[in-house]
PDB file of N, CA and C in Angstrom:
ATOM      1  N   MET A   1     -23.818  -0.192   1.910  1.00  0.00           N
ATOM      2  CA  MET A   1     -23.061   0.976   1.512  1.00  0.00           C
ATOM      3  C   MET A   1     -22.155   0.601   0.341  1.00  0.00           C
ATOM      4  N   GLU A   2     -22.166   1.405  -0.675  1.00  0.00           N
ATOM      5  CA  GLU A   2     -21.359   1.133  -1.856  1.00  0.00           C
ATOM      6  C   GLU A   2     -19.908   1.499  -1.626  1.00  0.00           C
ATOM      7  N   SER A   3     -19.009   0.878  -2.415  1.00  0.00           N
ATOM      8  CA  SER A   3     -17.578   1.146  -2.301  1.00  0.00           C
ATOM      9  C   SER A   3     -17.272   2.618  -2.460  1.00  0.00           C
ATOM     10  N   SER A   4     -17.947   3.286  -3.389  1.00  0.00           N
ATOM     11  CA  SER A   4     -17.675   4.704  -3.611  1.00  0.00           C
ATOM     12  C   SER A   4     -18.028   5.525  -2.380  1.00  0.00           C
ATOM     13  N   GLN A   5     -19.064   5.123  -1.642  1.00  0.00           N
ATOM     14  CA  GLN A   5     -19.427   5.836  -0.429  1.00  0.00           C
ATOM     15  C   GLN A   5     -18.366   5.649   0.650  1.00  0.00           C
ATOM     16  N   ILE A   6     -17.841   4.442   0.784  1.00  0.00           N
ATOM     17  CA  ILE A   6     -16.801   4.191   1.779  1.00  0.00           C
ATOM     18  C   ILE A   6     -15.544   4.966   1.418  1.00  0.00           C
ATOM     19  N   SER A   7     -15.164   4.936   0.147  1.00  0.00           N
ATOM     20  CA  SER A   7     -13.988   5.674  -0.288  1.00  0.00           C
ATOM     21  C   SER A   7     -14.141   7.156   0.033  1.00  0.00           C
ATOM     22  N   PHE A   8     -15.354   7.672  -0.154  1.00  0.00           N
ATOM     23  CA  PHE A   8     -15.602   9.075   0.131  1.00  0.00           C
ATOM     24  C   PHE A   8     -15.456   9.350   1.622  1.00  0.00           C
ATOM     25  N   LEU A   9     -15.946   8.426   2.448  1.00  0.00           N
ATOM     26  CA  LEU A   9     -15.889   8.621   3.891  1.00  0.00           C
ATOM     27  C   LEU A   9     -14.485   8.446   4.446  1.00  0.00           C
ATOM     28  N   MET A  10     -13.664   7.632   3.799  1.00  0.00           N
ATOM     29  CA  MET A  10     -12.330   7.364   4.305  1.00  0.00           C
ATOM     30  C   MET A  10     -11.298   7.763   3.259  1.00  0.00           C
ATOM     31  N   GLU A  11     -10.922   8.998   3.292  1.00  0.00           N
ATOM     32  CA  GLU A  11      -9.894   9.478   2.373  1.00  0.00           C
ATOM     33  C   GLU A  11      -8.540   9.056   2.932  1.00  0.00           C
ATOM     34  N   PRO A  12      -7.786   8.248   2.192  1.00  0.00           N
ATOM     35  CA  PRO A  12      -6.509   7.783   2.730  1.00  0.00           C
ATOM     36  C   PRO A  12      -5.483   8.909   2.858  1.00  0.00           C
ATOM     37  N   TYR A  13      -4.717   8.818   3.937  1.00  0.00           N
ATOM     38  CA  TYR A  13      -3.591   9.733   4.141  1.00  0.00           C
ATOM     39  C   TYR A  13      -2.433   8.927   4.718  1.00  0.00           C
ATOM     40  N   LEU A  14      -1.223   9.338   4.378  1.00  0.00           N
ATOM     41  CA  LEU A  14      -0.037   8.650   4.892  1.00  0.00           C
ATOM     42  C   LEU A  14       0.061   8.824   6.397  1.00  0.00           C
ATOM     43  N   LEU A  15       0.369   7.731   7.086  1.00  0.00           N
ATOM     44  CA  LEU A  15       0.583   7.806   8.529  1.00  0.00           C
ATOM     45  C   LEU A  15       1.948   8.425   8.803  1.00  0.00           C
ATOM     46  N   GLN A  16       1.994   9.279   9.808  1.00  0.00           N
ATOM     47  CA  GLN A  16       3.241   9.916  10.205  1.00  0.00           C
ATOM     48  C   GLN A  16       4.002   9.006  11.174  1.00  0.00           C
ATOM     49  N   GLU A  17       5.234   9.354  11.467  1.00  0.00           N
ATOM     50  CA  GLU A  17       6.099   8.493  12.283  1.00  0.00           C
ATOM     51  C   GLU A  17       5.459   8.098  13.610  1.00  0.00           C
ATOM     52  N   GLY A  18       4.867   9.041  14.311  1.00  0.00           N
ATOM     53  CA  GLY A  18       4.220   8.729  15.590  1.00  0.00           C
ATOM     54  C   GLY A  18       3.080   7.747  15.432  1.00  0.00           C
ATOM     55  N   GLU A  19       2.299   7.918  14.374  1.00  0.00           N
ATOM     56  CA  GLU A  19       1.186   7.008  14.106  1.00  0.00           C
ATOM     57  C   GLU A  19       1.693   5.625  13.729  1.00  0.00           C
ATOM     58  N   LEU A  20       2.782   5.578  12.984  1.00  0.00           N
ATOM     59  CA  LEU A  20       3.378   4.285  12.623  1.00  0.00           C
ATOM     60  C   LEU A  20       3.878   3.547  13.857  1.00  0.00           C
ATOM     61  N   ASN A  21       4.456   4.290  14.803  1.00  0.00           N
ATOM     62  CA  ASN A  21       4.951   3.669  16.036  1.00  0.00           C
ATOM     63  C   ASN A  21       3.815   3.080  16.869  1.00  0.00           C
ATOM     64  N   GLU A  22       2.615   3.628  16.749  1.00  0.00           N
ATOM     65  CA  GLU A  22       1.454   3.141  17.504  1.00  0.00           C
ATOM     66  C   GLU A  22       0.798   1.917  16.865  1.00  0.00           C
ATOM     67  N   LEU A  23       1.173   1.604  15.633  1.00  0.00           N
ATOM     68  CA  LEU A  23       0.535   0.489  14.933  1.00  0.00           C
ATOM     69  C   LEU A  23       0.681  -0.834  15.670  1.00  0.00           C
ATOM     70  N   PHE A  24       1.792  -1.032  16.345  1.00  0.00           N
ATOM     71  CA  PHE A  24       2.038  -2.309  17.023  1.00  0.00           C
ATOM     72  C   PHE A  24       0.991  -2.576  18.104  1.00  0.00           C
ATOM     73  N   VAL A  25       0.451  -1.501  18.677  1.00  0.00           N
ATOM     74  CA  VAL A  25      -0.596  -1.636  19.687  1.00  0.00           C
ATOM     75  C   VAL A  25      -1.962  -1.742  19.017  1.00  0.00           C
ATOM     76  N   LYS A  26      -2.188  -0.942  17.994  1.00  0.00           N
ATOM     77  CA  LYS A  26      -3.496  -0.879  17.344  1.00  0.00           C
ATOM     78  C   LYS A  26      -3.800  -2.104  16.488  1.00  0.00           C
ATOM     79  N   ILE A  27      -2.785  -2.650  15.855  1.00  0.00           N
ATOM     80  CA  ILE A  27      -2.995  -3.834  15.011  1.00  0.00           C
ATOM     81  C   ILE A  27      -1.947  -4.899  15.358  1.00  0.00           C
ATOM     82  N   PRO A  28      -2.188  -5.623  16.452  1.00  0.00           N
ATOM     83  CA  PRO A  28      -1.229  -6.618  16.925  1.00  0.00           C
ATOM     84  C   PRO A  28      -0.857  -7.650  15.867  1.00  0.00           C
ATOM     85  N   GLY A  29       0.428  -7.979  15.847  1.00  0.00           N
ATOM     86  CA  GLY A  29       0.931  -9.015  14.956  1.00  0.00           C
ATOM     87  C   GLY A  29       1.412  -8.504  13.615  1.00  0.00           C
ATOM     88  N   TRP A  30       1.059  -7.291  13.265  1.00  0.00           N
ATOM     89  CA  TRP A  30       1.496  -6.714  11.997  1.00  0.00           C
ATOM     90  C   TRP A  30       2.854  -6.069  12.202  1.00  0.00           C
ATOM     91  N   GLU A  31       3.681  -6.115  11.171  1.00  0.00           N
ATOM     92  CA  GLU A  31       4.984  -5.478  11.237  1.00  0.00           C
ATOM     93  C   GLU A  31       5.194  -4.603  10.008  1.00  0.00           C
ATOM     94  N   ILE A  32       6.027  -3.606  10.185  1.00  0.00           N
ATOM     95  CA  ILE A  32       6.343  -2.691   9.095  1.00  0.00           C
ATOM     96  C   ILE A  32       7.567  -3.212   8.367  1.00  0.00           C
ATOM     97  N   LYS A  33       7.414  -3.363   7.055  1.00  0.00           N
ATOM     98  CA  LYS A  33       8.523  -3.798   6.202  1.00  0.00           C
ATOM     99  C   LYS A  33       8.454  -3.002   4.912  1.00  0.00           C
ATOM    100  N   SER A  34       9.471  -2.251   4.623  1.00  0.00           N
ATOM    101  CA  SER A  34       9.596  -1.434   3.416  1.00  0.00           C
ATOM    102  C   SER A  34       8.314  -0.771   2.945  1.00  0.00           C
ATOM    103  N   LYS A  35       7.877   0.179   3.702  1.00  0.00           N
ATOM    104  CA  LYS A  35       6.718   1.017   3.378  1.00  0.00           C
ATOM    105  C   LYS A  35       5.425   0.225   3.211  1.00  0.00           C
ATOM    106  N   GLN A  36       5.340  -0.888   3.933  1.00  0.00           N
ATOM    107  CA  GLN A  36       4.098  -1.650   3.960  1.00  0.00           C
ATOM    108  C   GLN A  36       3.986  -2.343   5.308  1.00  0.00           C
ATOM    109  N   ILE A  37       2.792  -2.786   5.623  1.00  0.00           N
ATOM    110  CA  ILE A  37       2.602  -3.601   6.822  1.00  0.00           C
ATOM    111  C   ILE A  37       2.271  -5.014   6.358  1.00  0.00           C
ATOM    112  N   GLN A  38       2.736  -5.980   7.135  1.00  0.00           N
ATOM    113  CA  GLN A  38       2.458  -7.363   6.759  1.00  0.00           C
ATOM    114  C   GLN A  38       2.292  -8.239   7.985  1.00  0.00           C
ATOM    115  N   LYS A  39       1.573  -9.328   7.751  1.00  0.00           N
ATOM    116  CA  LYS A  39       1.332 -10.296   8.817  1.00  0.00           C
ATOM    117  C   LYS A  39       1.169 -11.675   8.197  1.00  0.00           C
ATOM    118  N   GLU A  40       1.683 -12.678   8.906  1.00  0.00           N
ATOM    119  CA  GLU A  40       1.527 -14.074   8.498  1.00  0.00           C
ATOM    120  C   GLU A  40       0.444 -14.718   9.348  1.00  0.00           C
ATOM    121  N   PHE A  41      -0.459 -15.409   8.684  1.00  0.00           N
ATOM    122  CA  PHE A  41      -1.547 -16.125   9.341  1.00  0.00           C
ATOM    123  C   PHE A  41      -1.386 -17.612   9.042  1.00  0.00           C
ATOM    124  N   ASN A  42      -1.466 -18.444  10.071  1.00  0.00           N
ATOM    125  CA  ASN A  42      -1.301 -19.883   9.902  1.00  0.00           C
ATOM    126  C   ASN A  42      -2.570 -20.618  10.325  1.00  0.00           C
ATOM    127  N   PHE A  43      -2.913 -21.638   9.541  1.00  0.00           N
ATOM    128  CA  PHE A  43      -4.138 -22.389   9.743  1.00  0.00           C
ATOM    129  C   PHE A  43      -3.820 -23.880   9.804  1.00  0.00           C
ATOM    130  N   ALA A  44      -4.825 -24.664  10.115  1.00  0.00           N
ATOM    131  CA  ALA A  44      -4.631 -26.111  10.219  1.00  0.00           C
ATOM    132  C   ALA A  44      -4.491 -26.776   8.854  1.00  0.00           C
ATOM    133  N   ASN A  45      -5.117 -26.164   7.827  1.00  0.00           N
ATOM    134  CA  ASN A  45      -5.088 -26.783   6.503  1.00  0.00           C
ATOM    135  C   ASN A  45      -5.424 -25.749   5.432  1.00  0.00           C
ATOM    136  N   PHE A  46      -5.404 -26.172   4.185  1.00  0.00           N
ATOM    137  CA  PHE A  46      -5.657 -25.284   3.057  1.00  0.00           C
ATOM    138  C   PHE A  46      -7.086 -24.748   3.061  1.00  0.00           C
ATOM    139  N   ILE A  47      -8.050 -25.580   3.396  1.00  0.00           N
ATOM    140  CA  ILE A  47      -9.454 -25.160   3.387  1.00  0.00           C
ATOM    141  C   ILE A  47      -9.670 -24.002   4.362  1.00  0.00           C
ATOM    142  N   GLU A  48      -9.107 -24.087   5.563  1.00  0.00           N
ATOM    143  CA  GLU A  48      -9.244 -22.997   6.539  1.00  0.00           C
ATOM    144  C   GLU A  48      -8.565 -21.723   6.021  1.00  0.00           C
ATOM    145  N   ALA A  49      -7.403 -21.873   5.419  1.00  0.00           N
ATOM    146  CA  ALA A  49      -6.684 -20.717   4.872  1.00  0.00           C
ATOM    147  C   ALA A  49      -7.493 -20.057   3.760  1.00  0.00           C
ATOM    148  N   PHE A  50      -8.049 -20.872   2.879  1.00  0.00           N
ATOM    149  CA  PHE A  50      -8.805 -20.337   1.755  1.00  0.00           C
ATOM    150  C   PHE A  50     -10.107 -19.684   2.222  1.00  0.00           C
ATOM    151  N   ALA A  51     -10.751 -20.263   3.219  1.00  0.00           N
ATOM    152  CA  ALA A  51     -11.972 -19.665   3.783  1.00  0.00           C
ATOM    153  C   ALA A  51     -11.660 -18.283   4.364  1.00  0.00           C
ATOM    154  N   PHE A  52     -10.544 -18.179   5.060  1.00  0.00           N
ATOM    155  CA  PHE A  52     -10.097 -16.895   5.611  1.00  0.00           C
ATOM    156  C   PHE A  52      -9.869 -15.892   4.484  1.00  0.00           C
ATOM    157  N   MET A  53      -9.181 -16.315   3.423  1.00  0.00           N
ATOM    158  CA  MET A  53      -8.905 -15.418   2.296  1.00  0.00           C
ATOM    159  C   MET A  53     -10.205 -14.942   1.653  1.00  0.00           C
ATOM    160  N   THR A  54     -11.200 -15.800   1.586  1.00  0.00           N
ATOM    161  CA  THR A  54     -12.486 -15.419   1.011  1.00  0.00           C
ATOM    162  C   THR A  54     -13.150 -14.332   1.846  1.00  0.00           C
ATOM    163  N   LYS A  55     -13.131 -14.491   3.157  1.00  0.00           N
ATOM    164  CA  LYS A  55     -13.699 -13.471   4.053  1.00  0.00           C
ATOM    165  C   LYS A  55     -12.941 -12.153   3.918  1.00  0.00           C
ATOM    166  N   VAL A  56     -11.622 -12.242   3.842  1.00  0.00           N
ATOM    167  CA  VAL A  56     -10.803 -11.035   3.691  1.00  0.00           C
ATOM    168  C   VAL A  56     -11.109 -10.346   2.358  1.00  0.00           C
ATOM    169  N   ALA A  57     -11.298 -11.130   1.313  1.00  0.00           N
ATOM    170  CA  ALA A  57     -11.593 -10.559  -0.009  1.00  0.00           C
ATOM    171  C   ALA A  57     -12.863  -9.712   0.031  1.00  0.00           C
ATOM    172  N   LEU A  58     -13.866 -10.160   0.769  1.00  0.00           N
ATOM    173  CA  LEU A  58     -15.113  -9.398   0.865  1.00  0.00           C
ATOM    174  C   LEU A  58     -14.907  -8.066   1.581  1.00  0.00           C
ATOM    175  N   ILE A  59     -14.098  -8.072   2.619  1.00  0.00           N
ATOM    176  CA  ILE A  59     -13.788  -6.821   3.331  1.00  0.00           C
ATOM    177  C   ILE A  59     -12.992  -5.890   2.415  1.00  0.00           C
ATOM    178  N   CYS A  60     -12.049  -6.432   1.679  1.00  0.00           N
ATOM    179  CA  CYS A  60     -11.241  -5.619   0.757  1.00  0.00           C
ATOM    180  C   CYS A  60     -12.127  -4.944  -0.286  1.00  0.00           C
ATOM    181  N   GLU A  61     -13.106  -5.656  -0.789  1.00  0.00           N
ATOM    182  CA  GLU A  61     -14.033  -5.067  -1.759  1.00  0.00           C
ATOM    183  C   GLU A  61     -14.837  -3.949  -1.121  1.00  0.00           C
ATOM    184  N   LYS A  62     -15.246  -4.153   0.131  1.00  0.00           N
ATOM    185  CA  LYS A  62     -16.015  -3.129   0.844  1.00  0.00           C
ATOM    186  C   LYS A  62     -15.242  -1.814   0.893  1.00  0.00           C
ATOM    187  N   TYR A  63     -13.943  -1.896   1.145  1.00  0.00           N
ATOM    188  CA  TYR A  63     -13.102  -0.702   1.240  1.00  0.00           C
ATOM    189  C   TYR A  63     -12.464  -0.317  -0.103  1.00  0.00           C
ATOM    190  N   ASN A  64     -12.678  -1.141  -1.123  1.00  0.00           N
ATOM    191  CA  ASN A  64     -12.033  -0.938  -2.425  1.00  0.00           C
ATOM    192  C   ASN A  64     -10.523  -0.756  -2.249  1.00  0.00           C
ATOM    193  N   HIS A  65      -9.956  -1.626  -1.435  1.00  0.00           N
ATOM    194  CA  HIS A  65      -8.520  -1.580  -1.118  1.00  0.00           C
ATOM    195  C   HIS A  65      -8.044  -3.024  -1.039  1.00  0.00           C
ATOM    196  N   HIS A  66      -7.101  -3.384  -1.869  1.00  0.00           N
ATOM    197  CA  HIS A  66      -6.760  -4.791  -2.040  1.00  0.00           C
ATOM    198  C   HIS A  66      -5.306  -5.072  -1.675  1.00  0.00           C
ATOM    199  N   PRO A  67      -5.077  -6.188  -0.980  1.00  0.00           N
ATOM    200  CA  PRO A  67      -3.738  -6.515  -0.503  1.00  0.00           C
ATOM    201  C   PRO A  67      -2.886  -7.216  -1.559  1.00  0.00           C
ATOM    202  N   ASN A  68      -1.605  -7.239  -1.288  1.00  0.00           N
ATOM    203  CA  ASN A  68      -0.723  -8.207  -1.929  1.00  0.00           C
ATOM    204  C   ASN A  68      -0.707  -9.365  -0.943  1.00  0.00           C
ATOM    205  N   TRP A  69      -0.929 -10.563  -1.430  1.00  0.00           N
ATOM    206  CA  TRP A  69      -0.927 -11.691  -0.505  1.00  0.00           C
ATOM    207  C   TRP A  69      -0.412 -12.943  -1.167  1.00  0.00           C
ATOM    208  N   GLU A  70       0.017 -13.843  -0.293  1.00  0.00           N
ATOM    209  CA  GLU A  70       0.552 -15.130  -0.727  1.00  0.00           C
ATOM    210  C   GLU A  70      -0.152 -16.214   0.072  1.00  0.00           C
ATOM    211  N   ASN A  71      -0.375 -17.337  -0.585  1.00  0.00           N
ATOM    212  CA  ASN A  71      -0.951 -18.481   0.097  1.00  0.00           C
ATOM    213  C   ASN A  71      -0.177 -19.720  -0.318  1.00  0.00           C
ATOM    214  N   VAL A  72       0.383 -20.395   0.679  1.00  0.00           N
ATOM    215  CA  VAL A  72       1.014 -21.695   0.467  1.00  0.00           C
ATOM    216  C   VAL A  72       0.397 -22.635   1.491  1.00  0.00           C
ATOM    217  N   TYR A  73      -0.407 -23.550   1.001  1.00  0.00           N
ATOM    218  CA  TYR A  73      -1.131 -24.527   1.789  1.00  0.00           C
ATOM    219  C   TYR A  73      -1.875 -23.867   2.954  1.00  0.00           C
ATOM    220  N   ALA A  74      -1.369 -23.943   4.177  1.00  0.00           N
ATOM    221  CA  ALA A  74      -2.087 -23.444   5.349  1.00  0.00           C
ATOM    222  C   ALA A  74      -1.569 -22.086   5.834  1.00  0.00           C
ATOM    223  N   LYS A  75      -0.738 -21.444   5.036  1.00  0.00           N
ATOM    224  CA  LYS A  75      -0.154 -20.159   5.432  1.00  0.00           C
ATOM    225  C   LYS A  75      -0.616 -19.070   4.466  1.00  0.00           C
ATOM    226  N   VAL A  76      -1.010 -17.925   5.036  1.00  0.00           N
ATOM    227  CA  VAL A  76      -1.394 -16.752   4.250  1.00  0.00           C
ATOM    228  C   VAL A  76      -0.568 -15.582   4.761  1.00  0.00           C
ATOM    229  N   ILE A  77       0.115 -14.901   3.850  1.00  0.00           N
ATOM    230  CA  ILE A  77       0.858 -13.687   4.189  1.00  0.00           C
ATOM    231  C   ILE A  77       0.165 -12.533   3.493  1.00  0.00           C
ATOM    232  N   ILE A  78      -0.217 -11.523   4.273  1.00  0.00           N
ATOM    233  CA  ILE A  78      -0.901 -10.359   3.723  1.00  0.00           C
ATOM    234  C   ILE A  78      -0.009  -9.140   3.884  1.00  0.00           C
ATOM    235  N   LYS A  79       0.115  -8.379   2.795  1.00  0.00           N
ATOM    236  CA  LYS A  79       0.916  -7.153   2.782  1.00  0.00           C
ATOM    237  C   LYS A  79       0.012  -6.012   2.325  1.00  0.00           C
ATOM    238  N   LEU A  80       0.030  -4.934   3.094  1.00  0.00           N
ATOM    239  CA  LEU A  80      -0.818  -3.782   2.793  1.00  0.00           C
ATOM    240  C   LEU A  80       0.006  -2.515   2.665  1.00  0.00           C
ATOM    241  N   ASN A  81      -0.290  -1.740   1.657  1.00  0.00           N
ATOM    242  CA  ASN A  81       0.159  -0.364   1.550  1.00  0.00           C
ATOM    243  C   ASN A  81      -0.739   0.318   0.535  1.00  0.00           C
ATOM    244  N   THR A  82      -0.632   1.624   0.461  1.00  0.00           N
ATOM    245  CA  THR A  82      -1.445   2.382  -0.490  1.00  0.00           C
ATOM    246  C   THR A  82      -0.507   2.861  -1.586  1.00  0.00           C
ATOM    247  N   HIS A  83      -0.526   2.153  -2.702  1.00  0.00           N
ATOM    248  CA  HIS A  83       0.405   2.430  -3.808  1.00  0.00           C
ATOM    249  C   HIS A  83       0.320   3.874  -4.274  1.00  0.00           C
ATOM    250  N   ASP A  84      -0.899   4.395  -4.375  1.00  0.00           N
ATOM    251  CA  ASP A  84      -1.090   5.755  -4.881  1.00  0.00           C
ATOM    252  C   ASP A  84      -0.374   6.801  -4.032  1.00  0.00           C
ATOM    253  N   LEU A  85      -0.253   6.536  -2.729  1.00  0.00           N
ATOM    254  CA  LEU A  85       0.383   7.505  -1.828  1.00  0.00           C
ATOM    255  C   LEU A  85       1.805   7.099  -1.448  1.00  0.00           C
ATOM    256  N   GLY A  86       2.223   5.914  -1.867  1.00  0.00           N
ATOM    257  CA  GLY A  86       3.603   5.490  -1.655  1.00  0.00           C
ATOM    258  C   GLY A  86       3.962   5.104  -0.237  1.00  0.00           C
ATOM    259  N   GLY A  87       3.003   4.555   0.501  1.00  0.00           N
ATOM    260  CA  GLY A  87       3.330   4.130   1.856  1.00  0.00           C
ATOM    261  C   GLY A  87       2.131   3.584   2.606  1.00  0.00           C
ATOM    262  N   ILE A  88       2.235   3.629   3.926  1.00  0.00           N
ATOM    263  CA  ILE A  88       1.221   3.063   4.817  1.00  0.00           C
ATOM    264  C   ILE A  88       0.245   4.179   5.201  1.00  0.00           C
ATOM    265  N   THR A  89      -1.041   3.892   5.016  1.00  0.00           N
ATOM    266  CA  THR A  89      -2.065   4.905   5.288  1.00  0.00           C
ATOM    267  C   THR A  89      -3.054   4.439   6.353  1.00  0.00           C
ATOM    268  N   ASN A  90      -3.927   5.365   6.724  1.00  0.00           N
ATOM    269  CA  ASN A  90      -5.019   5.046   7.640  1.00  0.00           C
ATOM    270  C   ASN A  90      -5.903   3.933   7.086  1.00  0.00           C
ATOM    271  N   LEU A  91      -6.037   3.852   5.775  1.00  0.00           N
ATOM    272  CA  LEU A  91      -6.832   2.801   5.151  1.00  0.00           C
ATOM    273  C   LEU A  91      -6.180   1.430   5.353  1.00  0.00           C
ATOM    274  N   ASP A  92      -4.858   1.368   5.258  1.00  0.00           N
ATOM    275  CA  ASP A  92      -4.147   0.112   5.522  1.00  0.00           C
ATOM    276  C   ASP A  92      -4.359  -0.320   6.968  1.00  0.00           C
ATOM    277  N   GLN A  93      -4.274   0.644   7.878  1.00  0.00           N
ATOM    278  CA  GLN A  93      -4.474   0.351   9.296  1.00  0.00           C
ATOM    279  C   GLN A  93      -5.888  -0.169   9.544  1.00  0.00           C
ATOM    280  N   THR A  94      -6.880   0.457   8.944  1.00  0.00           N
ATOM    281  CA  THR A  94      -8.268   0.034   9.111  1.00  0.00           C
ATOM    282  C   THR A  94      -8.478  -1.374   8.563  1.00  0.00           C
ATOM    283  N   LEU A  95      -7.953  -1.624   7.382  1.00  0.00           N
ATOM    284  CA  LEU A  95      -8.104  -2.944   6.779  1.00  0.00           C
ATOM    285  C   LEU A  95      -7.399  -4.019   7.610  1.00  0.00           C
ATOM    286  N   ALA A  96      -6.211  -3.720   8.117  1.00  0.00           N
ATOM    287  CA  ALA A  96      -5.489  -4.672   8.973  1.00  0.00           C
ATOM    288  C   ALA A  96      -6.291  -4.985  10.229  1.00  0.00           C
ATOM    289  N   SER A  97      -6.912  -3.981  10.793  1.00  0.00           N
ATOM    290  CA  SER A  97      -7.738  -4.189  11.981  1.00  0.00           C
ATOM    291  C   SER A  97      -8.934  -5.096  11.666  1.00  0.00           C
ATOM    292  N   GLU A  98      -9.564  -4.871  10.533  1.00  0.00           N
ATOM    293  CA  GLU A  98     -10.690  -5.716  10.104  1.00  0.00           C
ATOM    294  C   GLU A  98     -10.220  -7.159   9.867  1.00  0.00           C
ATOM    295  N   ILE A  99      -9.054  -7.304   9.269  1.00  0.00           N
ATOM    296  CA  ILE A  99      -8.500  -8.654   9.006  1.00  0.00           C
ATOM    297  C   ILE A  99      -8.218  -9.368  10.326  1.00  0.00           C
ATOM    298  N   ASN A 100      -7.666  -8.663  11.304  1.00  0.00           N
ATOM    299  CA  ASN A 100      -7.430  -9.259  12.620  1.00  0.00           C
ATOM    300  C   ASN A 100      -8.723  -9.757  13.233  1.00  0.00           C
ATOM    301  N   LYS A 101      -9.810  -8.981  13.098  1.00  0.00           N
ATOM    302  CA  LYS A 101     -11.103  -9.389  13.648  1.00  0.00           C
ATOM    303  C   LYS A 101     -11.595 -10.686  12.993  1.00  0.00           C
ATOM    304  N   ILE A 102     -11.411 -10.793  11.691  1.00  0.00           N
ATOM    305  CA  ILE A 102     -11.824 -12.010  10.982  1.00  0.00           C
ATOM    306  C   ILE A 102     -11.015 -13.205  11.495  1.00  0.00           C
ATOM    307  N   PHE A 103      -9.720 -13.010  11.651  1.00  0.00           N
ATOM    308  CA  PHE A 103      -8.858 -14.103  12.102  1.00  0.00           C
ATOM    309  C   PHE A 103      -9.198 -14.542  13.527  1.00  0.00           C
ATOM    310  N   ASP A 104      -9.587 -13.595  14.374  1.00  0.00           N
ATOM    311  CA  ASP A 104      -9.857 -13.888  15.780  1.00  0.00           C
ATOM    312  C   ASP A 104     -11.246 -14.504  16.017  1.00  0.00           C
ATOM    313  N   GLN A 105     -12.071 -14.547  14.979  1.00  0.00           N
ATOM    314  CA  GLN A 105     -13.431 -15.089  15.150  1.00  0.00           C
ATOM    315  C   GLN A 105     -13.406 -16.576  15.389  1.00  0.00           C
TER     316      GLN A 105
END
């Protein structure tokens, strides 16, 4: 499936307060910080961290939605929001859920 098809199927919309409150259950480990969600992932070494980032990059391309992220040696911090809509959307939630699945593998 092409990125344009996924974008068509998943039109982003801002999450409302009730939906934001449910995020802690739906995407464990993520926290809300200034109109974005973020999570820190820790690994044994740089190679494991970079391998994780590579897998995440492929998922981001699939959704045509890209994170702000930081990598220092074995730590990766991922921050998600939808700049065009000015906050946290269903697309951010979906991507965070996919990222959690990659980390849990």
